[in-house]
Amino acid sequence: ILHGYQSSRPATKGWTQAETAEYARLWEQWRETAA
């Protein structure tokens, strides 16, 4: 069924602490404004 489609992902070190904190801050900002 998936002929021609090849799933792949490169290796990653994941998110840094700063990226995790910024994501949480932006997510909370969106929640608050949507509320």
PDB file of all heavy atoms in Angstrom:
ATOM      1  N   ILE A   1       0.825  -1.211   0.000  1.00  0.00           N
ATOM      2  CA  ILE A   1       0.000   0.000   0.000  1.00  0.00           C
ATOM      3  C   ILE A   1       0.855   1.255   0.000  1.00  0.00           C
ATOM      4  O   ILE A   1       0.507   2.245  -0.610  1.00  0.00           O
ATOM      5  CB  ILE A   1      -0.950  -0.026   1.215  1.00  0.00           C
ATOM      6  CG1 ILE A   1      -2.266  -0.571   0.805  1.00  0.00           C
ATOM      7  CG2 ILE A   1      -1.113   1.320   1.847  1.00  0.00           C
ATOM      8  CD1 ILE A   1      -3.286  -0.612   1.885  1.00  0.00           C
ATOM      9  N   LEU A   2       1.970   1.233   0.686  1.00  0.00           N
ATOM     10  CA  LEU A   2       2.810   2.418   0.783  1.00  0.00           C
ATOM     11  C   LEU A   2       3.938   2.396  -0.242  1.00  0.00           C
ATOM     12  O   LEU A   2       4.974   3.019  -0.046  1.00  0.00           O
ATOM     13  CB  LEU A   2       3.384   2.536   2.196  1.00  0.00           C
ATOM     14  CG  LEU A   2       2.352   2.694   3.306  1.00  0.00           C
ATOM     15  CD1 LEU A   2       3.021   2.703   4.664  1.00  0.00           C
ATOM     16  CD2 LEU A   2       1.546   3.962   3.116  1.00  0.00           C
ATOM     17  N   HIS A   3       3.742   1.693  -1.335  1.00  0.00           N
ATOM     18  CA  HIS A   3       4.783   1.583  -2.345  1.00  0.00           C
ATOM     19  C   HIS A   3       5.234   2.981  -2.775  1.00  0.00           C
ATOM     20  O   HIS A   3       4.440   3.833  -3.118  1.00  0.00           O
ATOM     21  CB  HIS A   3       4.274   0.800  -3.559  1.00  0.00           C
ATOM     22  CG  HIS A   3       5.323   0.597  -4.606  1.00  0.00           C
ATOM     23  ND1 HIS A   3       6.433  -0.178  -4.365  1.00  0.00           N
ATOM     24  CD2 HIS A   3       5.456   1.081  -5.856  1.00  0.00           C
ATOM     25  CE1 HIS A   3       7.199  -0.166  -5.443  1.00  0.00           C
ATOM     26  NE2 HIS A   3       6.617   0.600  -6.368  1.00  0.00           N
ATOM     27  N   GLY A   4       6.523   3.192  -2.732  1.00  0.00           N
ATOM     28  CA  GLY A   4       7.064   4.476  -3.113  1.00  0.00           C
ATOM     29  C   GLY A   4       7.222   5.436  -1.949  1.00  0.00           C
ATOM     30  O   GLY A   4       7.863   6.458  -2.076  1.00  0.00           O
ATOM     31  N   TYR A   5       6.661   5.113  -0.807  1.00  0.00           N
ATOM     32  CA  TYR A   5       6.791   5.967   0.372  1.00  0.00           C
ATOM     33  C   TYR A   5       7.764   5.305   1.320  1.00  0.00           C
ATOM     34  O   TYR A   5       7.601   4.153   1.670  1.00  0.00           O
ATOM     35  CB  TYR A   5       5.437   6.161   1.069  1.00  0.00           C
ATOM     36  CG  TYR A   5       5.566   6.905   2.373  1.00  0.00           C
ATOM     37  CD1 TYR A   5       5.717   8.287   2.380  1.00  0.00           C
ATOM     38  CD2 TYR A   5       5.557   6.238   3.579  1.00  0.00           C
ATOM     39  CE1 TYR A   5       5.851   8.976   3.565  1.00  0.00           C
ATOM     40  CE2 TYR A   5       5.688   6.923   4.778  1.00  0.00           C
ATOM     41  CZ  TYR A   5       5.832   8.291   4.765  1.00  0.00           C
ATOM     42  OH  TYR A   5       5.967   8.978   5.937  1.00  0.00           O
ATOM     43  N   GLN A   6       8.781   6.028   1.716  1.00  0.00           N
ATOM     44  CA  GLN A   6       9.766   5.478   2.634  1.00  0.00           C
ATOM     45  C   GLN A   6       9.892   6.405   3.830  1.00  0.00           C
ATOM     46  O   GLN A   6      10.255   7.569   3.685  1.00  0.00           O
ATOM     47  CB  GLN A   6      11.110   5.333   1.931  1.00  0.00           C
ATOM     48  CG  GLN A   6      12.075   4.497   2.707  1.00  0.00           C
ATOM     49  CD  GLN A   6      13.278   4.118   1.858  1.00  0.00           C
ATOM     50  OE1 GLN A   6      13.405   4.542   0.714  1.00  0.00           O
ATOM     51  NE2 GLN A   6      14.159   3.327   2.420  1.00  0.00           N
ATOM     52  N   SER A   7       9.558   5.896   4.987  1.00  0.00           N
ATOM     53  CA  SER A   7       9.611   6.681   6.209  1.00  0.00           C
ATOM     54  C   SER A   7      11.037   6.690   6.750  1.00  0.00           C
ATOM     55  O   SER A   7      11.688   5.662   6.804  1.00  0.00           O
ATOM     56  CB  SER A   7       8.668   6.067   7.243  1.00  0.00           C
ATOM     57  OG  SER A   7       8.834   6.689   8.489  1.00  0.00           O
ATOM     58  N   SER A   8      11.482   7.861   7.153  1.00  0.00           N
ATOM     59  CA  SER A   8      12.791   7.941   7.785  1.00  0.00           C
ATOM     60  C   SER A   8      12.848   9.193   8.650  1.00  0.00           C
ATOM     61  O   SER A   8      12.107  10.156   8.429  1.00  0.00           O
ATOM     62  CB  SER A   8      13.902   7.983   6.736  1.00  0.00           C
ATOM     63  OG  SER A   8      13.828   9.174   5.989  1.00  0.00           O
ATOM     64  N   ARG A   9      13.715   9.142   9.646  1.00  0.00           N
ATOM     65  CA  ARG A   9      13.987  10.281  10.502  1.00  0.00           C
ATOM     66  C   ARG A   9      15.473  10.258  10.831  1.00  0.00           C
ATOM     67  O   ARG A   9      16.023   9.211  11.132  1.00  0.00           O
ATOM     68  CB  ARG A   9      13.206  10.216  11.818  1.00  0.00           C
ATOM     69  CG  ARG A   9      11.720  10.390  11.674  1.00  0.00           C
ATOM     70  CD  ARG A   9      11.400  11.852  11.543  1.00  0.00           C
ATOM     71  NE  ARG A   9       9.967  12.025  11.606  1.00  0.00           N
ATOM     72  CZ  ARG A   9       9.340  13.013  11.050  1.00  0.00           C
ATOM     73  NH1 ARG A   9      10.008  13.929  10.389  1.00  0.00           N
ATOM     74  NH2 ARG A   9       8.052  13.123  11.136  1.00  0.00           N
ATOM     75  N   PRO A  10      16.110  11.425  10.807  1.00  0.00           N
ATOM     76  CA  PRO A  10      17.530  11.463  11.156  1.00  0.00           C
ATOM     77  C   PRO A  10      17.722  11.345  12.668  1.00  0.00           C
ATOM     78  O   PRO A  10      16.798  11.606  13.447  1.00  0.00           O
ATOM     79  CB  PRO A  10      17.974  12.833  10.659  1.00  0.00           C
ATOM     80  CG  PRO A  10      16.743  13.670  10.746  1.00  0.00           C
ATOM     81  CD  PRO A  10      15.609  12.730  10.414  1.00  0.00           C
ATOM     82  N   ALA A  11      18.910  10.990  13.076  1.00  0.00           N
ATOM     83  CA  ALA A  11      19.223  10.953  14.505  1.00  0.00           C
ATOM     84  C   ALA A  11      19.110  12.372  15.062  1.00  0.00           C
ATOM     85  O   ALA A  11      19.344  13.356  14.354  1.00  0.00           O
ATOM     86  CB  ALA A  11      20.630  10.410  14.720  1.00  0.00           C
ATOM     87  N   THR A  12      18.699  12.476  16.311  1.00  0.00           N
ATOM     88  CA  THR A  12      18.574  13.784  16.947  1.00  0.00           C
ATOM     89  C   THR A  12      19.002  13.696  18.407  1.00  0.00           C
ATOM     90  O   THR A  12      18.853  12.656  19.044  1.00  0.00           O
ATOM     91  CB  THR A  12      17.136  14.325  16.868  1.00  0.00           C
ATOM     92  OG1 THR A  12      17.085  15.601  17.518  1.00  0.00           O
ATOM     93  CG2 THR A  12      16.132  13.411  17.529  1.00  0.00           C
ATOM     94  N   LYS A  13      19.538  14.802  18.890  1.00  0.00           N
ATOM     95  CA  LYS A  13      19.892  14.896  20.308  1.00  0.00           C
ATOM     96  C   LYS A  13      18.685  15.318  21.138  1.00  0.00           C
ATOM     97  O   LYS A  13      18.761  15.423  22.353  1.00  0.00           O
ATOM     98  CB  LYS A  13      21.032  15.890  20.497  1.00  0.00           C
ATOM     99  CG  LYS A  13      22.333  15.412  19.881  1.00  0.00           C
ATOM    100  CD  LYS A  13      23.431  16.429  20.097  1.00  0.00           C
ATOM    101  CE  LYS A  13      24.705  15.936  19.430  1.00  0.00           C
ATOM    102  NZ  LYS A  13      25.798  16.885  19.565  1.00  0.00           N
ATOM    103  N   GLY A  14      17.561  15.596  20.478  1.00  0.00           N
ATOM    104  CA  GLY A  14      16.362  16.041  21.180  1.00  0.00           C
ATOM    105  C   GLY A  14      16.395  17.530  21.449  1.00  0.00           C
ATOM    106  O   GLY A  14      17.233  18.263  20.929  1.00  0.00           O
ATOM    107  N   TRP A  15      15.455  17.992  22.245  1.00  0.00           N
ATOM    108  CA  TRP A  15      15.343  19.407  22.555  1.00  0.00           C
ATOM    109  C   TRP A  15      16.293  19.764  23.697  1.00  0.00           C
ATOM    110  O   TRP A  15      16.486  18.984  24.621  1.00  0.00           O
ATOM    111  CB  TRP A  15      13.937  19.768  22.973  1.00  0.00           C
ATOM    112  CG  TRP A  15      12.879  19.559  21.939  1.00  0.00           C
ATOM    113  CD1 TRP A  15      13.029  19.045  20.689  1.00  0.00           C
ATOM    114  CD2 TRP A  15      11.498  19.861  22.080  1.00  0.00           C
ATOM    115  NE1 TRP A  15      11.828  19.004  20.041  1.00  0.00           N
ATOM    116  CE2 TRP A  15      10.864  19.499  20.872  1.00  0.00           C
ATOM    117  CE3 TRP A  15      10.741  20.397  23.102  1.00  0.00           C
ATOM    118  CZ2 TRP A  15       9.499  19.669  20.671  1.00  0.00           C
ATOM    119  CZ3 TRP A  15       9.379  20.561  22.905  1.00  0.00           C
ATOM    120  CH2 TRP A  15       8.767  20.210  21.694  1.00  0.00           C
ATOM    121  N   THR A  16      16.808  20.964  23.646  1.00  0.00           N
ATOM    122  CA  THR A  16      17.607  21.464  24.764  1.00  0.00           C
ATOM    123  C   THR A  16      16.659  21.909  25.878  1.00  0.00           C
ATOM    124  O   THR A  16      15.447  22.054  25.666  1.00  0.00           O
ATOM    125  CB  THR A  16      18.466  22.668  24.329  1.00  0.00           C
ATOM    126  OG1 THR A  16      17.583  23.756  23.992  1.00  0.00           O
ATOM    127  CG2 THR A  16      19.373  22.317  23.150  1.00  0.00           C
ATOM    128  N   GLN A  17      17.217  22.169  27.044  1.00  0.00           N
ATOM    129  CA  GLN A  17      16.388  22.680  28.146  1.00  0.00           C
ATOM    130  C   GLN A  17      15.786  24.030  27.778  1.00  0.00           C
ATOM    131  O   GLN A  17      14.631  24.312  28.101  1.00  0.00           O
ATOM    132  CB  GLN A  17      17.207  22.793  29.427  1.00  0.00           C
ATOM    133  CG  GLN A  17      17.516  21.462  30.062  1.00  0.00           C
ATOM    134  CD  GLN A  17      18.298  21.629  31.362  1.00  0.00           C
ATOM    135  OE1 GLN A  17      18.961  22.645  31.589  1.00  0.00           O
ATOM    136  NE2 GLN A  17      18.215  20.613  32.209  1.00  0.00           N
ATOM    137  N   ALA A  18      16.561  24.852  27.079  1.00  0.00           N
ATOM    138  CA  ALA A  18      16.058  26.170  26.672  1.00  0.00           C
ATOM    139  C   ALA A  18      14.912  26.021  25.681  1.00  0.00           C
ATOM    140  O   ALA A  18      13.916  26.755  25.760  1.00  0.00           O
ATOM    141  CB  ALA A  18      17.185  27.009  26.069  1.00  0.00           C
ATOM    142  N   GLU A  19      15.022  25.093  24.731  1.00  0.00           N
ATOM    143  CA  GLU A  19      13.952  24.866  23.758  1.00  0.00           C
ATOM    144  C   GLU A  19      12.699  24.340  24.447  1.00  0.00           C
ATOM    145  O   GLU A  19      11.584  24.775  24.140  1.00  0.00           O
ATOM    146  CB  GLU A  19      14.408  23.877  22.678  1.00  0.00           C
ATOM    147  CG  GLU A  19      15.424  24.455  21.726  1.00  0.00           C
ATOM    148  CD  GLU A  19      16.065  23.413  20.830  1.00  0.00           C
ATOM    149  OE1 GLU A  19      16.151  22.222  21.213  1.00  0.00           O
ATOM    150  OE2 GLU A  19      16.497  23.790  19.722  1.00  0.00           O
ATOM    151  N   THR A  20      12.888  23.440  25.402  1.00  0.00           N
ATOM    152  CA  THR A  20      11.751  22.887  26.146  1.00  0.00           C
ATOM    153  C   THR A  20      11.047  23.994  26.930  1.00  0.00           C
ATOM    154  O   THR A  20       9.819  24.083  26.935  1.00  0.00           O
ATOM    155  CB  THR A  20      12.217  21.768  27.086  1.00  0.00           C
ATOM    156  OG1 THR A  20      12.817  20.729  26.303  1.00  0.00           O
ATOM    157  CG2 THR A  20      11.068  21.190  27.888  1.00  0.00           C
ATOM    158  N   ALA A  21      11.823  24.857  27.568  1.00  0.00           N
ATOM    159  CA  ALA A  21      11.240  25.951  28.351  1.00  0.00           C
ATOM    160  C   ALA A  21      10.519  26.952  27.438  1.00  0.00           C
ATOM    161  O   ALA A  21       9.419  27.420  27.776  1.00  0.00           O
ATOM    162  CB  ALA A  21      12.331  26.659  29.153  1.00  0.00           C
ATOM    163  N   GLU A  22      11.106  27.268  26.288  1.00  0.00           N
ATOM    164  CA  GLU A  22      10.475  28.208  25.365  1.00  0.00           C
ATOM    165  C   GLU A  22       9.186  27.625  24.793  1.00  0.00           C
ATOM    166  O   GLU A  22       8.181  28.328  24.659  1.00  0.00           O
ATOM    167  CB  GLU A  22      11.439  28.597  24.240  1.00  0.00           C
ATOM    168  CG  GLU A  22      10.873  29.562  23.228  1.00  0.00           C
ATOM    169  CD  GLU A  22      10.514  30.939  23.773  1.00  0.00           C
ATOM    170  OE1 GLU A  22      10.723  31.226  24.977  1.00  0.00           O
ATOM    171  OE2 GLU A  22       9.998  31.752  22.985  1.00  0.00           O
ATOM    172  N   TYR A  23       9.199  26.333  24.462  1.00  0.00           N
ATOM    173  CA  TYR A  23       7.993  25.680  23.967  1.00  0.00           C
ATOM    174  C   TYR A  23       6.890  25.745  25.025  1.00  0.00           C
ATOM    175  O   TYR A  23       5.741  26.096  24.715  1.00  0.00           O
ATOM    176  CB  TYR A  23       8.286  24.227  23.590  1.00  0.00           C
ATOM    177  CG  TYR A  23       7.076  23.511  23.068  1.00  0.00           C
ATOM    178  CD1 TYR A  23       6.709  23.618  21.734  1.00  0.00           C
ATOM    179  CD2 TYR A  23       6.281  22.734  23.905  1.00  0.00           C
ATOM    180  CE1 TYR A  23       5.593  22.978  21.244  1.00  0.00           C
ATOM    181  CE2 TYR A  23       5.158  22.090  23.423  1.00  0.00           C
ATOM    182  CZ  TYR A  23       4.821  22.208  22.093  1.00  0.00           C
ATOM    183  OH  TYR A  23       3.704  21.584  21.616  1.00  0.00           O
ATOM    184  N   ALA A  24       7.225  25.444  26.266  1.00  0.00           N
ATOM    185  CA  ALA A  24       6.233  25.489  27.351  1.00  0.00           C
ATOM    186  C   ALA A  24       5.689  26.909  27.526  1.00  0.00           C
ATOM    187  O   ALA A  24       4.489  27.099  27.729  1.00  0.00           O
ATOM    188  CB  ALA A  24       6.852  24.982  28.652  1.00  0.00           C
ATOM    189  N   ARG A  25       6.562  27.908  27.426  1.00  0.00           N
ATOM    190  CA  ARG A  25       6.134  29.295  27.579  1.00  0.00           C
ATOM    191  C   ARG A  25       5.172  29.694  26.457  1.00  0.00           C
ATOM    192  O   ARG A  25       4.112  30.274  26.702  1.00  0.00           O
ATOM    193  CB  ARG A  25       7.357  30.228  27.567  1.00  0.00           C
ATOM    194  CG  ARG A  25       7.008  31.692  27.842  1.00  0.00           C
ATOM    195  CD  ARG A  25       8.200  32.599  27.602  1.00  0.00           C
ATOM    196  NE  ARG A  25       8.504  32.769  26.189  1.00  0.00           N
ATOM    197  CZ  ARG A  25       7.821  33.543  25.347  1.00  0.00           C
ATOM    198  NH1 ARG A  25       6.763  34.221  25.768  1.00  0.00           N
ATOM    199  NH2 ARG A  25       8.176  33.651  24.081  1.00  0.00           N
ATOM    200  N   LEU A  26       5.536  29.356  25.210  1.00  0.00           N
ATOM    201  CA  LEU A  26       4.675  29.698  24.076  1.00  0.00           C
ATOM    202  C   LEU A  26       3.347  28.941  24.129  1.00  0.00           C
ATOM    203  O   LEU A  26       2.299  29.493  23.790  1.00  0.00           O
ATOM    204  CB  LEU A  26       5.397  29.414  22.756  1.00  0.00           C
ATOM    205  CG  LEU A  26       6.566  30.337  22.447  1.00  0.00           C
ATOM    206  CD1 LEU A  26       7.337  29.833  21.238  1.00  0.00           C
ATOM    207  CD2 LEU A  26       6.098  31.772  22.240  1.00  0.00           C
ATOM    208  N   TRP A  27       3.371  27.688  24.553  1.00  0.00           N
ATOM    209  CA  TRP A  27       2.147  26.895  24.671  1.00  0.00           C
ATOM    210  C   TRP A  27       1.219  27.513  25.714  1.00  0.00           C
ATOM    211  O   TRP A  27       0.015  27.654  25.483  1.00  0.00           O
ATOM    212  CB  TRP A  27       2.499  25.448  25.030  1.00  0.00           C
ATOM    213  CG  TRP A  27       1.324  24.543  25.064  1.00  0.00           C
ATOM    214  CD1 TRP A  27       0.631  24.145  26.170  1.00  0.00           C
ATOM    215  CD2 TRP A  27       0.678  23.907  23.957  1.00  0.00           C
ATOM    216  NE1 TRP A  27      -0.398  23.316  25.814  1.00  0.00           N
ATOM    217  CE2 TRP A  27      -0.388  23.150  24.463  1.00  0.00           C
ATOM    218  CE3 TRP A  27       0.908  23.912  22.594  1.00  0.00           C
ATOM    219  CZ2 TRP A  27      -1.223  22.407  23.647  1.00  0.00           C
ATOM    220  CZ3 TRP A  27       0.070  23.160  21.793  1.00  0.00           C
ATOM    221  CH2 TRP A  27      -0.979  22.419  22.319  1.00  0.00           C
ATOM    222  N   GLU A  28       1.777  27.898  26.842  1.00  0.00           N
ATOM    223  CA  GLU A  28       0.974  28.523  27.896  1.00  0.00           C
ATOM    224  C   GLU A  28       0.412  29.867  27.427  1.00  0.00           C
ATOM    225  O   GLU A  28      -0.742  30.192  27.702  1.00  0.00           O
ATOM    226  CB  GLU A  28       1.803  28.701  29.167  1.00  0.00           C
ATOM    227  CG  GLU A  28       1.025  29.288  30.329  1.00  0.00           C
ATOM    228  CD  GLU A  28      -0.170  28.453  30.769  1.00  0.00           C
ATOM    229  OE1 GLU A  28      -0.189  27.224  30.543  1.00  0.00           O
ATOM    230  OE2 GLU A  28      -1.116  29.043  31.323  1.00  0.00           O
ATOM    231  N   GLN A  29       1.213  30.634  26.704  1.00  0.00           N
ATOM    232  CA  GLN A  29       0.742  31.921  26.166  1.00  0.00           C
ATOM    233  C   GLN A  29      -0.436  31.698  25.230  1.00  0.00           C
ATOM    234  O   GLN A  29      -1.429  32.436  25.284  1.00  0.00           O
ATOM    235  CB  GLN A  29       1.889  32.615  25.427  1.00  0.00           C
ATOM    236  CG  GLN A  29       1.525  33.971  24.882  1.00  0.00           C
ATOM    237  CD  GLN A  29       2.682  34.584  24.099  1.00  0.00           C
ATOM    238  OE1 GLN A  29       3.358  33.914  23.324  1.00  0.00           O
ATOM    239  NE2 GLN A  29       2.908  35.865  24.322  1.00  0.00           N
ATOM    240  N   TRP A  30      -0.369  30.689  24.381  1.00  0.00           N
ATOM    241  CA  TRP A  30      -1.477  30.385  23.478  1.00  0.00           C
ATOM    242  C   TRP A  30      -2.712  29.970  24.267  1.00  0.00           C
ATOM    243  O   TRP A  30      -3.822  30.420  23.997  1.00  0.00           O
ATOM    244  CB  TRP A  30      -1.068  29.302  22.479  1.00  0.00           C
ATOM    245  CG  TRP A  30      -2.157  28.954  21.509  1.00  0.00           C
ATOM    246  CD1 TRP A  30      -3.031  29.805  20.907  1.00  0.00           C
ATOM    247  CD2 TRP A  30      -2.489  27.660  21.034  1.00  0.00           C
ATOM    248  NE1 TRP A  30      -3.885  29.115  20.078  1.00  0.00           N
ATOM    249  CE2 TRP A  30      -3.572  27.796  20.139  1.00  0.00           C
ATOM    250  CE3 TRP A  30      -1.970  26.389  21.271  1.00  0.00           C
ATOM    251  CZ2 TRP A  30      -4.139  26.706  19.494  1.00  0.00           C
ATOM    252  CZ3 TRP A  30      -2.533  25.310  20.613  1.00  0.00           C
ATOM    253  CH2 TRP A  30      -3.608  25.484  19.738  1.00  0.00           C
ATOM    254  N   ARG A  31      -2.535  29.102  25.274  1.00  0.00           N
ATOM    255  CA  ARG A  31      -3.678  28.662  26.099  1.00  0.00           C
ATOM    256  C   ARG A  31      -4.361  29.858  26.760  1.00  0.00           C
ATOM    257  O   ARG A  31      -5.587  29.951  26.769  1.00  0.00           O
ATOM    258  CB  ARG A  31      -3.213  27.678  27.170  1.00  0.00           C
ATOM    259  CG  ARG A  31      -3.374  26.243  26.813  1.00  0.00           C
ATOM    260  CD  ARG A  31      -3.232  25.356  28.042  1.00  0.00           C
ATOM    261  NE  ARG A  31      -1.985  25.545  28.734  1.00  0.00           N
ATOM    262  CZ  ARG A  31      -0.928  24.769  28.618  1.00  0.00           C
ATOM    263  NH1 ARG A  31      -0.948  23.729  27.832  1.00  0.00           N
ATOM    264  NH2 ARG A  31       0.160  25.011  29.307  1.00  0.00           N
ATOM    265  N   GLU A  32      -3.556  30.746  27.324  1.00  0.00           N
ATOM    266  CA  GLU A  32      -4.125  31.903  28.024  1.00  0.00           C
ATOM    267  C   GLU A  32      -4.872  32.831  27.073  1.00  0.00           C
ATOM    268  O   GLU A  32      -5.958  33.311  27.400  1.00  0.00           O
ATOM    269  CB  GLU A  32      -3.015  32.669  28.743  1.00  0.00           C
ATOM    270  CG  GLU A  32      -2.476  31.949  29.957  1.00  0.00           C
ATOM    271  CD  GLU A  32      -1.273  32.649  30.573  1.00  0.00           C
ATOM    272  OE1 GLU A  32      -0.874  33.733  30.080  1.00  0.00           O
ATOM    273  OE2 GLU A  32      -0.727  32.107  31.552  1.00  0.00           O
ATOM    274  N   THR A  33      -4.303  33.095  25.908  1.00  0.00           N
ATOM    275  CA  THR A  33      -4.966  33.997  24.966  1.00  0.00           C
ATOM    276  C   THR A  33      -6.218  33.350  24.384  1.00  0.00           C
ATOM    277  O   THR A  33      -7.235  34.035  24.198  1.00  0.00           O
ATOM    278  CB  THR A  33      -4.009  34.449  23.845  1.00  0.00           C
ATOM    279  OG1 THR A  33      -3.473  33.310  23.185  1.00  0.00           O
ATOM    280  CG2 THR A  33      -2.874  35.301  24.402  1.00  0.00           C
ATOM    281  N   ALA A  34      -6.163  32.057  24.115  1.00  0.00           N
ATOM    282  CA  ALA A  34      -7.353  31.360  23.605  1.00  0.00           C
ATOM    283  C   ALA A  34      -8.461  31.352  24.664  1.00  0.00           C
ATOM    284  O   ALA A  34      -9.638  31.527  24.333  1.00  0.00           O
ATOM    285  CB  ALA A  34      -6.999  29.941  23.189  1.00  0.00           C
ATOM    286  N   ALA A  35      -8.090  31.184  25.918  1.00  0.00           N
ATOM    287  CA  ALA A  35      -9.088  31.192  26.999  1.00  0.00           C
ATOM    288  C   ALA A  35      -9.800  32.535  27.077  1.00  0.00           C
ATOM    289  O   ALA A  35     -11.007  32.594  27.350  1.00  0.00           O
ATOM    290  CB  ALA A  35      -8.424  30.852  28.325  1.00  0.00           C
TER     291      ALA A  35
END
